[in-house]
Amino acid sequence: MSIMSILSPLVEIVTAPAKANPAYLDPGSGSFILQLLLAALVGSAFIIKSYWKKITDFFRKLFSRADQRKEE
């Protein structure tokens, strides 16, 4: 068996045009997408709230070092 005889069917499968598949969004899909967006927003707000002290301390240290370098 040559490499071409093995790769030829694989190339044909990968490059074959896909059959038309008309898609639609039913009403349940829209509400599911909205729930995902709201969950992502609330989740990211919770993460930021949980780590707020660490975030502010990091930026305070970062900018205080920059200010100390400028003064010297």
Protein backbone atom coordinates (compact mmCIF):
# COMPACT_ATOMS: atom_id res chain seq x y z
CA MET A 1 0.00 0.00 0.00
CA SER A 2 1.32 3.37 -0.92
CA ILE A 3 0.84 6.53 1.06
CA MET A 4 -1.27 8.01 -1.72
CA SER A 5 -3.75 5.15 -1.56
CA ILE A 6 -4.20 5.83 2.14
CA LEU A 7 -4.29 9.63 1.99
CA SER A 8 -6.46 9.96 -1.11
CA PRO A 9 -9.76 8.88 0.55
CA LEU A 10 -9.00 11.01 3.61
CA VAL A 11 -8.40 14.11 1.47
CA GLU A 12 -11.65 13.48 -0.41
CA ILE A 13 -13.62 13.19 2.82
CA VAL A 14 -12.14 16.33 4.32
CA THR A 15 -12.51 18.47 1.19
CA ALA A 16 -15.93 17.19 0.10
CA PRO A 17 -18.55 19.93 0.07
CA ALA A 18 -21.01 19.71 2.92
CA LYS A 19 -24.65 19.07 2.19
CA ALA A 20 -26.81 22.14 2.70
CA ASN A 21 -28.19 22.14 6.22
CA PRO A 22 -30.67 24.93 6.78
CA ALA A 23 -30.53 25.93 10.42
CA TYR A 24 -32.94 28.02 12.43
CA LEU A 25 -33.29 29.35 15.93
CA ASP A 26 -36.44 28.39 17.74
CA PRO A 27 -37.72 30.56 20.62
CA GLY A 28 -36.05 28.31 23.19
CA SER A 29 -32.64 28.92 21.59
CA GLY A 30 -32.90 32.66 22.04
CA SER A 31 -33.73 32.39 25.72
CA PHE A 32 -30.91 29.85 26.19
CA ILE A 33 -28.40 32.24 24.60
CA LEU A 34 -29.68 35.03 26.84
CA GLN A 35 -29.27 32.80 29.91
CA LEU A 36 -25.69 31.98 28.87
CA LEU A 37 -24.82 35.65 28.49
CA LEU A 38 -26.37 36.56 31.83
CA ALA A 39 -24.64 33.65 33.58
CA ALA A 40 -21.29 34.73 32.10
CA LEU A 41 -21.88 38.30 33.29
CA VAL A 42 -22.87 37.28 36.82
CA GLY A 43 -20.03 34.75 37.01
CA SER A 44 -17.41 37.27 35.93
CA ALA A 45 -18.79 39.82 38.41
CA PHE A 46 -18.53 37.21 41.18
CA ILE A 47 -14.92 36.38 40.26
CA ILE A 48 -13.95 40.05 40.20
CA LYS A 49 -15.67 40.62 43.55
CA SER A 50 -13.91 37.61 45.05
CA TYR A 51 -10.46 38.77 43.96
CA TRP A 52 -11.01 42.55 44.22
CA LYS A 53 -8.60 42.99 47.14
CA LYS A 54 -5.83 41.10 45.32
CA ILE A 55 -6.44 43.06 42.11
CA THR A 56 -6.28 46.44 43.83
CA ASP A 57 -3.19 45.47 45.85
CA PHE A 58 -1.45 44.36 42.65
CA PHE A 59 -2.08 47.67 40.90
CA ARG A 60 -1.14 49.69 43.99
CA LYS A 61 2.19 47.88 44.19
CA LEU A 62 2.71 48.23 40.45
CA PHE A 63 2.10 51.97 40.39
CA SER A 64 3.88 52.67 43.68
CA ARG A 65 7.02 51.05 42.27
CA ALA A 66 6.72 53.17 39.13
CA ASP A 67 6.35 56.32 41.26
CA GLN A 68 9.38 55.37 43.38
CA ARG A 69 11.51 54.92 40.25
CA LYS A 70 10.50 58.33 38.93
CA GLU A 71 11.43 60.05 42.20
CA GLU A 72 14.91 58.50 42.28
